C-alpha atoms as a PDB file:
ATOM      1  CA  MET A   1       0.087   0.036   0.010  1.00  0.00           C
ATOM      2  CA  THR A   2       1.375   3.563  -0.998  1.00  0.00           C
ATOM      3  CA  ILE A   3       0.031   6.380   0.929  1.00  0.00           C
ATOM      4  CA  PHE A   4       0.168  10.121  -0.534  1.00  0.00           C
ATOM      5  CA  GLN A   5       0.108  12.464   2.300  1.00  0.00           C
ATOM      6  CA  ARG A   6      -0.252  16.131   1.969  1.00  0.00           C
ATOM      7  CA  ILE A   7       3.017  17.059   3.406  1.00  0.00           C
ATOM      8  CA  ASP A   8       5.041  14.973   0.417  1.00  0.00           C
ATOM      9  CA  ASP A   9       3.967  18.020  -1.412  1.00  0.00           C
ATOM     10  CA  GLU A  10       6.096  20.624   0.312  1.00  0.00           C
ATOM     11  CA  ALA A  11       9.212  19.334  -1.706  1.00  0.00           C
ATOM     12  CA  GLY A  12       7.179  20.130  -4.925  1.00  0.00           C
ATOM     13  CA  ARG A  13       6.470  23.448  -4.099  1.00  0.00           C
ATOM     14  CA  SER A  14      10.062  24.358  -3.244  1.00  0.00           C
ATOM     15  CA  GLU A  15      11.150  23.231  -6.731  1.00  0.00           C
ATOM     16  CA  ALA A  16       8.127  25.115  -8.534  1.00  0.00           C
ATOM     17  CA  ALA A  17       8.298  25.721 -11.840  1.00  0.00           C
ATOM     18  CA  ILE A  18       7.913  29.525 -13.315  1.00  0.00           C
ATOM     19  CA  ALA A  19       5.306  30.101 -15.875  1.00  0.00           C
ATOM     20  CA  ALA A  20       5.545  32.618 -18.463  1.00  0.00           C
ATOM     21  CA  ASN A  21       3.779  35.259 -16.379  1.00  0.00           C
ATOM     22  CA  GLY A  22       5.766  34.706 -13.284  1.00  0.00           C
ATOM     23  CA  ALA A  23       3.220  32.497 -11.469  1.00  0.00           C
ATOM     24  CA  ARG A  24       4.611  29.605  -9.704  1.00  0.00           C
ATOM     25  CA  SER A  25       2.964  26.111  -9.909  1.00  0.00           C
ATOM     26  CA  TYR A  26       4.418  22.475  -9.484  1.00  0.00           C
ATOM     27  CA  ARG A  27       3.616  19.076 -10.322  1.00  0.00           C
ATOM     28  CA  ARG A  28       3.818  15.743  -8.006  1.00  0.00           C
ATOM     29  CA  MET A  29       2.916  12.683  -9.935  1.00  0.00           C
ATOM     30  CA  ILE A  30       1.078  10.112  -8.063  1.00  0.00           C
ATOM     31  CA  TRP A  31       0.720   7.547 -10.880  1.00  0.00           C
ATOM     32  CA  VAL A  32       1.508   6.826 -14.878  1.00  0.00           C
ATOM     33  CA  ASP A  33       0.437   3.953 -16.575  1.00  0.00           C
ATOM     34  CA  GLU A  34       2.615   1.327 -17.922  1.00  0.00           C
ATOM     35  CA  GLY A  35       3.603   1.813 -21.501  1.00  0.00           C
ATOM     36  CA  ASP A  36       4.260   4.623 -24.314  1.00  0.00           C
ATOM     37  CA  ALA A  37       4.991   7.458 -21.658  1.00  0.00           C
ATOM     38  CA  ASP A  38       3.735   9.900 -24.172  1.00  0.00           C
ATOM     39  CA  ALA A  39       0.050   7.744 -24.531  1.00  0.00           C
ATOM     40  CA  ALA A  40      -0.101   6.976 -20.549  1.00  0.00           C
ATOM     41  CA  THR A  41      -2.802   7.715 -18.243  1.00  0.00           C
ATOM     42  CA  LYS A  42      -1.370  10.098 -15.478  1.00  0.00           C
ATOM     43  CA  VAL A  43      -2.616  11.228 -12.013  1.00  0.00           C
ATOM     44  CA  ALA A  44      -0.863  14.062 -10.438  1.00  0.00           C
ATOM     45  CA  VAL A  45      -1.081  16.705  -7.594  1.00  0.00           C
ATOM     46  CA  TRP A  46      -1.058  19.915  -9.224  1.00  0.00           C
ATOM     47  CA  GLY A  47      -0.368  22.994  -7.099  1.00  0.00           C
ATOM     48  CA  ALA A  48       0.135  26.897  -8.035  1.00  0.00           C
ATOM     49  CA  ALA A  49       0.357  30.198  -6.326  1.00  0.00           C
ATOM     50  CA  PRO A  50      -1.989  33.125  -7.504  1.00  0.00           C
ATOM     51  CA  GLY A  51      -1.658  34.060 -11.167  1.00  0.00           C
ATOM     52  CA  LEU A  52      -2.653  33.445 -14.507  1.00  0.00           C
ATOM     53  CA  TYR A  53      -2.104  29.999 -16.136  1.00  0.00           C
ATOM     54  CA  THR A  54      -3.345  29.066 -19.457  1.00  0.00           C
ATOM     55  CA  TYR A  55      -3.629  26.127 -21.661  1.00  0.00           C
ATOM     56  CA  PRO A  56      -3.881  25.453 -25.456  1.00  0.00           C
ATOM     57  CA  ALA A  57      -6.208  22.557 -26.685  1.00  0.00           C
ATOM     58  CA  ARG A  58      -4.407  19.533 -26.429  1.00  0.00           C
ATOM     59  CA  PRO A  59      -5.235  16.026 -27.436  1.00  0.00           C
ATOM     60  CA  LEU A  60      -5.977  14.434 -24.015  1.00  0.00           C
ATOM     61  CA  ALA A  61      -9.194  14.738 -21.592  1.00  0.00           C
ATOM     62  CA  GLU A  62      -8.810  16.175 -18.084  1.00  0.00           C
ATOM     63  CA  SER A  63     -10.921  15.424 -15.007  1.00  0.00           C
ATOM     64  CA  PHE A  64      -9.797  17.141 -11.573  1.00  0.00           C
ATOM     65  CA  ILE A  65     -11.228  17.885  -8.451  1.00  0.00           C
ATOM     66  CA  VAL A  66     -10.346  21.392  -6.513  1.00  0.00           C
ATOM     67  CA  MET A  67      -8.706  20.165  -3.082  1.00  0.00           C
ATOM     68  CA  GLU A  68      -7.840  23.874  -1.846  1.00  0.00           C
ATOM     69  CA  GLY A  69      -7.655  27.126  -2.873  1.00  0.00           C
ATOM     70  CA  GLU A  70      -9.883  29.262  -5.433  1.00  0.00           C
ATOM     71  CA  ALA A  71      -9.815  30.122  -9.135  1.00  0.00           C
ATOM     72  CA  ASP A  72     -11.705  31.443 -11.808  1.00  0.00           C
ATOM     73  CA  CYS A  73     -11.875  28.845 -14.616  1.00  0.00           C
ATOM     74  CA  GLN A  74     -12.649  28.751 -18.380  1.00  0.00           C
ATOM     75  CA  VAL A  75     -13.183  25.592 -20.248  1.00  0.00           C
ATOM     76  CA  ALA A  76     -12.827  26.191 -23.907  1.00  0.00           C
ATOM     77  CA  GLY A  77     -14.347  29.513 -24.434  1.00  0.00           C
ATOM     78  CA  GLU A  78     -17.415  29.025 -22.218  1.00  0.00           C
ATOM     79  CA  ALA A  79     -18.449  31.350 -19.206  1.00  0.00           C
ATOM     80  CA  ILE A  80     -16.069  31.928 -16.539  1.00  0.00           C
ATOM     81  CA  ARG A  81     -16.761  30.110 -13.200  1.00  0.00           C
ATOM     82  CA  ARG A  82     -15.282  30.434  -9.905  1.00  0.00           C
ATOM     83  CA  ILE A  83     -14.375  26.858  -8.741  1.00  0.00           C
ATOM     84  CA  GLY A  84     -13.007  26.252  -4.970  1.00  0.00           C
ATOM     85  CA  PRO A  85     -12.619  23.042  -2.461  1.00  0.00           C
ATOM     86  CA  GLY A  86     -14.786  20.020  -3.834  1.00  0.00           C
ATOM     87  CA  ASP A  87     -15.544  21.075  -7.124  1.00  0.00           C
ATOM     88  CA  ILE A  88     -15.074  18.821 -10.266  1.00  0.00           C
ATOM     89  CA  VAL A  89     -13.687  19.998 -13.312  1.00  0.00           C
ATOM     90  CA  ASN A  90     -14.020  18.058 -16.595  1.00  0.00           C
ATOM     91  CA  VAL A  91     -12.088  19.345 -19.674  1.00  0.00           C
ATOM     92  CA  PRO A  92     -12.713  17.328 -22.860  1.00  0.00           C
ATOM     93  CA  VAL A  93     -10.236  16.501 -25.488  1.00  0.00           C
ATOM     94  CA  ASN A  94      -8.981  19.283 -27.326  1.00  0.00           C
ATOM     95  CA  ALA A  95     -10.819  22.145 -25.267  1.00  0.00           C
ATOM     96  CA  PRO A  96      -8.383  24.962 -23.978  1.00  0.00           C
ATOM     97  CA  ILE A  97      -8.353  26.030 -20.408  1.00  0.00           C
ATOM     98  CA  SER A  98      -7.364  29.018 -18.320  1.00  0.00           C
ATOM     99  CA  LEU A  99      -7.273  29.314 -14.960  1.00  0.00           C
ATOM    100  CA  GLU A 100      -7.017  32.687 -12.883  1.00  0.00           C
ATOM    101  CA  VAL A 101      -5.462  30.929  -9.555  1.00  0.00           C
ATOM    102  CA  LEU A 102      -6.584  33.565  -6.910  1.00  0.00           C
ATOM    103  CA  LYS A 103      -5.865  32.003  -3.563  1.00  0.00           C
ATOM    104  CA  SER A 104      -3.176  28.900  -3.343  1.00  0.00           C
ATOM    105  CA  PHE A 105      -4.624  26.236  -5.377  1.00  0.00           C
ATOM    106  CA  ARG A 106      -4.144  22.580  -5.303  1.00  0.00           C
ATOM    107  CA  LYS A 107      -6.380  19.722  -7.423  1.00  0.00           C
ATOM    108  CA  PHE A 108      -6.039  16.103  -8.081  1.00  0.00           C
ATOM    109  CA  ALA A 109      -5.982  15.586 -11.705  1.00  0.00           C
ATOM    110  CA  MET A 110      -6.423  12.461 -13.915  1.00  0.00           C
ATOM    111  CA  VAL A 111      -4.915  13.136 -17.423  1.00  0.00           C
ATOM    112  CA  VAL A 112      -6.290  10.791 -20.127  1.00  0.00           C
ATOM    113  CA  PRO A 113      -4.541  11.170 -23.694  1.00  0.00           C
ATOM    114  CA  LYS A 114      -6.789  10.336 -26.656  1.00  0.00           C
ATOM    115  CA  GLY A 115      -4.842   9.296 -29.888  1.00  0.00           C
END
């Protein structure tokens, strides 16, 4: 049995990547499907400091649950929605997404490539 505790995310926060707009985020992989790494299903915790994070349309589907924080989320040009702890977001294949993180943010995400 493997247990991932919240404290395990602290190392990722100190090694956070810096986005183009100066915002900081990190990712901790929880599980990756076997096989081709580019076509593998992935499960991860993603965290971010306040800032704007935008992602173009990608050939994958993502579902995530917000664990902490608050953000304004826009998927595929739809209306912007405020999301927070307990909210579940589904990003369809080839849909761009933007997150304007308002309060330090953490999500538990599953990414499924579609080829």
